PDB file of all heavy atoms in Angstrom:
ATOM      1  N   THR A   1      -7.876  13.886 -30.422  1.00  0.00           N
ATOM      2  CA  THR A   1      -8.034  15.220 -30.994  1.00  0.00           C
ATOM      3  C   THR A   1      -7.010  16.145 -30.375  1.00  0.00           C
ATOM      4  O   THR A   1      -6.617  15.993 -29.222  1.00  0.00           O
ATOM      5  CB  THR A   1      -9.447  15.769 -30.745  1.00  0.00           C
ATOM      6  OG1 THR A   1      -9.676  15.849 -29.333  1.00  0.00           O
ATOM      7  CG2 THR A   1     -10.508  14.888 -31.370  1.00  0.00           C
ATOM      8  N   GLY A   2      -6.585  17.105 -31.162  1.00  0.00           N
ATOM      9  CA  GLY A   2      -5.601  18.066 -30.655  1.00  0.00           C
ATOM     10  C   GLY A   2      -5.655  19.361 -31.414  1.00  0.00           C
ATOM     11  O   GLY A   2      -6.102  19.421 -32.567  1.00  0.00           O
ATOM     12  N   ARG A   3      -5.185  20.408 -30.729  1.00  0.00           N
ATOM     13  CA  ARG A   3      -5.120  21.722 -31.358  1.00  0.00           C
ATOM     14  C   ARG A   3      -3.921  22.459 -30.780  1.00  0.00           C
ATOM     15  O   ARG A   3      -3.654  22.402 -29.571  1.00  0.00           O
ATOM     16  CB  ARG A   3      -6.399  22.504 -31.068  1.00  0.00           C
ATOM     17  CG  ARG A   3      -6.401  23.917 -31.614  1.00  0.00           C
ATOM     18  CD  ARG A   3      -7.679  24.670 -31.211  1.00  0.00           C
ATOM     19  NE  ARG A   3      -7.698  26.004 -31.726  1.00  0.00           N
ATOM     20  CZ  ARG A   3      -7.079  27.050 -31.151  1.00  0.00           C
ATOM     21  NH1 ARG A   3      -6.408  26.879 -30.011  1.00  0.00           N
ATOM     22  NH2 ARG A   3      -7.133  28.268 -31.676  1.00  0.00           N
ATOM     23  N   ILE A   4      -3.207  23.137 -31.614  1.00  0.00           N
ATOM     24  CA  ILE A   4      -2.082  23.937 -31.156  1.00  0.00           C
ATOM     25  C   ILE A   4      -2.024  25.205 -32.025  1.00  0.00           C
ATOM     26  O   ILE A   4      -2.333  25.175 -33.221  1.00  0.00           O
ATOM     27  CB  ILE A   4      -0.760  23.163 -31.263  1.00  0.00           C
ATOM     28  CG1 ILE A   4       0.386  23.988 -30.638  1.00  0.00           C
ATOM     29  CG2 ILE A   4      -0.434  22.793 -32.708  1.00  0.00           C
ATOM     30  CD1 ILE A   4       1.683  23.193 -30.472  1.00  0.00           C
ATOM     31  N   GLY A   5      -1.666  26.317 -31.373  1.00  0.00           N
ATOM     32  CA  GLY A   5      -1.585  27.558 -32.132  1.00  0.00           C
ATOM     33  C   GLY A   5      -1.366  28.734 -31.191  1.00  0.00           C
ATOM     34  O   GLY A   5      -1.008  28.577 -30.018  1.00  0.00           O
ATOM     35  N   GLY A   6      -1.629  29.884 -31.701  1.00  0.00           N
ATOM     36  CA  GLY A   6      -1.471  31.103 -30.924  1.00  0.00           C
ATOM     37  C   GLY A   6      -2.679  31.977 -31.061  1.00  0.00           C
ATOM     38  O   GLY A   6      -3.416  31.925 -32.040  1.00  0.00           O
ATOM     39  N   SER A   7      -2.870  32.820 -30.042  1.00  0.00           N
ATOM     40  CA  SER A   7      -4.010  33.732 -30.026  1.00  0.00           C
ATOM     41  C   SER A   7      -3.592  35.012 -29.356  1.00  0.00           C
ATOM     42  O   SER A   7      -2.885  35.012 -28.340  1.00  0.00           O
ATOM     43  CB  SER A   7      -5.196  33.086 -29.300  1.00  0.00           C
ATOM     44  OG  SER A   7      -6.278  33.992 -29.239  1.00  0.00           O
ATOM     45  N   ALA A   8      -3.996  36.148 -29.911  1.00  0.00           N
ATOM     46  CA  ALA A   8      -3.643  37.460 -29.332  1.00  0.00           C
ATOM     47  C   ALA A   8      -4.689  38.475 -29.759  1.00  0.00           C
ATOM     48  O   ALA A   8      -5.406  38.283 -30.741  1.00  0.00           O
ATOM     49  CB  ALA A   8      -2.258  37.900 -29.794  1.00  0.00           C
ATOM     50  N   SER A   9      -4.793  39.548 -28.961  1.00  0.00           N
ATOM     51  CA  SER A   9      -5.715  40.637 -29.284  1.00  0.00           C
ATOM     52  C   SER A   9      -5.090  41.966 -28.820  1.00  0.00           C
ATOM     53  O   SER A   9      -4.057  41.994 -28.139  1.00  0.00           O
ATOM     54  CB  SER A   9      -7.064  40.427 -28.613  1.00  0.00           C
ATOM     55  OG  SER A   9      -6.963  40.604 -27.208  1.00  0.00           O
ATOM     56  N   THR A  10      -5.748  43.045 -29.153  1.00  0.00           N
ATOM     57  CA  THR A  10      -5.256  44.374 -28.773  1.00  0.00           C
ATOM     58  C   THR A  10      -5.947  44.912 -27.519  1.00  0.00           C
ATOM     59  O   THR A  10      -5.884  46.095 -27.206  1.00  0.00           O
ATOM     60  CB  THR A  10      -5.475  45.354 -29.922  1.00  0.00           C
ATOM     61  OG1 THR A  10      -6.867  45.399 -30.282  1.00  0.00           O
ATOM     62  CG2 THR A  10      -4.651  44.948 -31.132  1.00  0.00           C
ATOM     63  N   ILE A  11      -6.641  44.020 -26.788  1.00  0.00           N
ATOM     64  CA  ILE A  11      -7.305  44.434 -25.551  1.00  0.00           C
ATOM     65  C   ILE A  11      -6.255  44.810 -24.496  1.00  0.00           C
ATOM     66  O   ILE A  11      -5.226  44.139 -24.371  1.00  0.00           O
ATOM     67  CB  ILE A  11      -8.220  43.308 -25.029  1.00  0.00           C
ATOM     68  CG1 ILE A  11      -9.318  42.999 -26.046  1.00  0.00           C
ATOM     69  CG2 ILE A  11      -8.816  43.667 -23.676  1.00  0.00           C
ATOM     70  CD1 ILE A  11     -10.196  41.847 -25.660  1.00  0.00           C
ATOM     71  N   ASN A  12      -6.527  45.849 -23.741  1.00  0.00           N
ATOM     72  CA  ASN A  12      -5.643  46.314 -22.662  1.00  0.00           C
ATOM     73  C   ASN A  12      -4.231  46.605 -23.149  1.00  0.00           C
ATOM     74  O   ASN A  12      -3.242  46.338 -22.470  1.00  0.00           O
ATOM     75  CB  ASN A  12      -5.598  45.293 -21.524  1.00  0.00           C
ATOM     76  CG  ASN A  12      -6.948  45.128 -20.842  1.00  0.00           C
ATOM     77  OD1 ASN A  12      -7.749  46.092 -20.781  1.00  0.00           O
ATOM     78  ND2 ASN A  12      -7.231  43.930 -20.354  1.00  0.00           N
ATOM     79  N   GLY A  13      -4.116  47.076 -24.357  1.00  0.00           N
ATOM     80  CA  GLY A  13      -2.811  47.492 -24.849  1.00  0.00           C
ATOM     81  C   GLY A  13      -1.938  46.387 -25.381  1.00  0.00           C
ATOM     82  O   GLY A  13      -0.788  46.634 -25.755  1.00  0.00           O
ATOM     83  N   ALA A  14      -2.436  45.148 -25.453  1.00  0.00           N
ATOM     84  CA  ALA A  14      -1.628  44.050 -25.990  1.00  0.00           C
ATOM     85  C   ALA A  14      -1.471  44.210 -27.502  1.00  0.00           C
ATOM     86  O   ALA A  14      -2.160  45.011 -28.142  1.00  0.00           O
ATOM     87  CB  ALA A  14      -2.286  42.719 -25.651  1.00  0.00           C
ATOM     88  N   ARG A  15      -0.584  43.403 -28.050  1.00  0.00           N
ATOM     89  CA  ARG A  15      -0.310  43.490 -29.474  1.00  0.00           C
ATOM     90  C   ARG A  15      -0.630  42.170 -30.183  1.00  0.00           C
ATOM     91  O   ARG A  15      -0.481  41.092 -29.583  1.00  0.00           O
ATOM     92  CB  ARG A  15       1.160  43.840 -29.724  1.00  0.00           C
ATOM     93  CG  ARG A  15       1.574  45.208 -29.176  1.00  0.00           C
ATOM     94  CD  ARG A  15       3.034  45.464 -29.486  1.00  0.00           C
ATOM     95  NE  ARG A  15       3.455  46.787 -28.999  1.00  0.00           N
ATOM     96  CZ  ARG A  15       4.675  47.258 -29.151  1.00  0.00           C
ATOM     97  NH1 ARG A  15       5.601  46.510 -29.755  1.00  0.00           N
ATOM     98  NH2 ARG A  15       4.982  48.476 -28.688  1.00  0.00           N
ATOM     99  N   LEU A  16      -1.020  42.290 -31.443  1.00  0.00           N
ATOM    100  CA  LEU A  16      -1.305  41.084 -32.235  1.00  0.00           C
ATOM    101  C   LEU A  16      -0.066  40.237 -32.446  1.00  0.00           C
ATOM    102  O   LEU A  16      -0.138  39.009 -32.577  1.00  0.00           O
ATOM    103  CB  LEU A  16      -1.903  41.457 -33.601  1.00  0.00           C
ATOM    104  CG  LEU A  16      -3.312  42.024 -33.596  1.00  0.00           C
ATOM    105  CD1 LEU A  16      -3.748  42.325 -35.028  1.00  0.00           C
ATOM    106  CD2 LEU A  16      -4.303  41.078 -32.940  1.00  0.00           C
ATOM    107  N   SER A  17       1.107  40.850 -32.445  1.00  0.00           N
ATOM    108  CA  SER A  17       2.344  40.099 -32.650  1.00  0.00           C
ATOM    109  C   SER A  17       2.631  39.162 -31.501  1.00  0.00           C
ATOM    110  O   SER A  17       3.478  38.275 -31.633  1.00  0.00           O
ATOM    111  CB  SER A  17       3.515  41.087 -32.857  1.00  0.00           C
ATOM    112  OG  SER A  17       3.673  41.921 -31.700  1.00  0.00           O
ATOM    113  N   SER A  18       1.935  39.317 -30.412  1.00  0.00           N
ATOM    114  CA  SER A  18       2.138  38.382 -29.267  1.00  0.00           C
ATOM    115  C   SER A  18       1.718  36.974 -29.594  1.00  0.00           C
ATOM    116  O   SER A  18       2.002  36.029 -28.857  1.00  0.00           O
ATOM    117  CB  SER A  18       1.352  38.881 -28.048  1.00  0.00           C
ATOM    118  OG  SER A  18       1.795  40.160 -27.630  1.00  0.00           O
ATOM    119  N   ILE A  19       1.025  36.822 -30.718  1.00  0.00           N
ATOM    120  CA  ILE A  19       0.603  35.480 -31.121  1.00  0.00           C
ATOM    121  C   ILE A  19       1.771  34.554 -31.358  1.00  0.00           C
ATOM    122  O   ILE A  19       1.664  33.334 -31.243  1.00  0.00           O
ATOM    123  CB  ILE A  19      -0.266  35.577 -32.401  1.00  0.00           C
ATOM    124  CG1 ILE A  19      -0.992  34.263 -32.678  1.00  0.00           C
ATOM    125  CG2 ILE A  19       0.572  35.978 -33.597  1.00  0.00           C
ATOM    126  CD1 ILE A  19      -1.965  34.343 -33.840  1.00  0.00           C
ATOM    127  N   PHE A  20       2.938  35.155 -31.656  1.00  0.00           N
ATOM    128  CA  PHE A  20       4.135  34.359 -31.940  1.00  0.00           C
ATOM    129  C   PHE A  20       5.030  34.198 -30.713  1.00  0.00           C
ATOM    130  O   PHE A  20       6.156  33.702 -30.836  1.00  0.00           O
ATOM    131  CB  PHE A  20       4.940  35.011 -33.070  1.00  0.00           C
ATOM    132  CG  PHE A  20       4.152  35.127 -34.352  1.00  0.00           C
ATOM    133  CD1 PHE A  20       3.696  36.375 -34.782  1.00  0.00           C
ATOM    134  CD2 PHE A  20       3.833  34.016 -35.106  1.00  0.00           C
ATOM    135  CE1 PHE A  20       2.973  36.495 -35.958  1.00  0.00           C
ATOM    136  CE2 PHE A  20       3.102  34.121 -36.268  1.00  0.00           C
ATOM    137  CZ  PHE A  20       2.668  35.362 -36.693  1.00  0.00           C
ATOM    138  N   THR A  21       4.602  34.623 -29.552  1.00  0.00           N
ATOM    139  CA  THR A  21       5.389  34.520 -28.324  1.00  0.00           C
ATOM    140  C   THR A  21       4.883  33.372 -27.476  1.00  0.00           C
ATOM    141  O   THR A  21       3.750  32.895 -27.651  1.00  0.00           O
ATOM    142  CB  THR A  21       5.321  35.832 -27.532  1.00  0.00           C
ATOM    143  OG1 THR A  21       3.963  36.015 -27.076  1.00  0.00           O
ATOM    144  CG2 THR A  21       5.728  37.013 -28.392  1.00  0.00           C
ATOM    145  N   PRO A  22       5.705  32.884 -26.550  1.00  0.00           N
ATOM    146  CA  PRO A  22       5.237  31.818 -25.666  1.00  0.00           C
ATOM    147  C   PRO A  22       3.960  32.178 -24.923  1.00  0.00           C
ATOM    148  O   PRO A  22       3.135  31.303 -24.654  1.00  0.00           O
ATOM    149  CB  PRO A  22       6.412  31.624 -24.705  1.00  0.00           C
ATOM    150  CG  PRO A  22       7.611  32.068 -25.482  1.00  0.00           C
ATOM    151  CD  PRO A  22       7.134  33.195 -26.331  1.00  0.00           C
ATOM    152  N   ALA A  23       3.801  33.452 -24.611  1.00  0.00           N
ATOM    153  CA  ALA A  23       2.592  33.838 -23.902  1.00  0.00           C
ATOM    154  C   ALA A  23       1.345  33.633 -24.740  1.00  0.00           C
ATOM    155  O   ALA A  23       0.249  33.402 -24.217  1.00  0.00           O
ATOM    156  CB  ALA A  23       2.712  35.303 -23.477  1.00  0.00           C
ATOM    157  N   GLY A  24       1.476  33.709 -26.072  1.00  0.00           N
ATOM    158  CA  GLY A  24       0.314  33.558 -26.938  1.00  0.00           C
ATOM    159  C   GLY A  24       0.030  32.116 -27.322  1.00  0.00           C
ATOM    160  O   GLY A  24      -0.967  31.830 -28.003  1.00  0.00           O
ATOM    161  N   LEU A  25       0.892  31.188 -26.904  1.00  0.00           N
ATOM    162  CA  LEU A  25       0.731  29.780 -27.264  1.00  0.00           C
ATOM    163  C   LEU A  25      -0.482  29.158 -26.553  1.00  0.00           C
ATOM    164  O   LEU A  25      -0.669  29.365 -25.353  1.00  0.00           O
ATOM    165  CB  LEU A  25       1.989  28.996 -26.914  1.00  0.00           C
ATOM    166  CG  LEU A  25       1.951  27.477 -27.206  1.00  0.00           C
ATOM    167  CD1 LEU A  25       1.830  27.231 -28.687  1.00  0.00           C
ATOM    168  CD2 LEU A  25       3.203  26.821 -26.644  1.00  0.00           C
TER     169      LEU A  25
END
């Protein structure tokens, strides 16, 4: 089994676009 993707939220000033950055991987 495997899963890969990105996740991001606006908590603490973060942005949803971070989902496409290495940090959101």
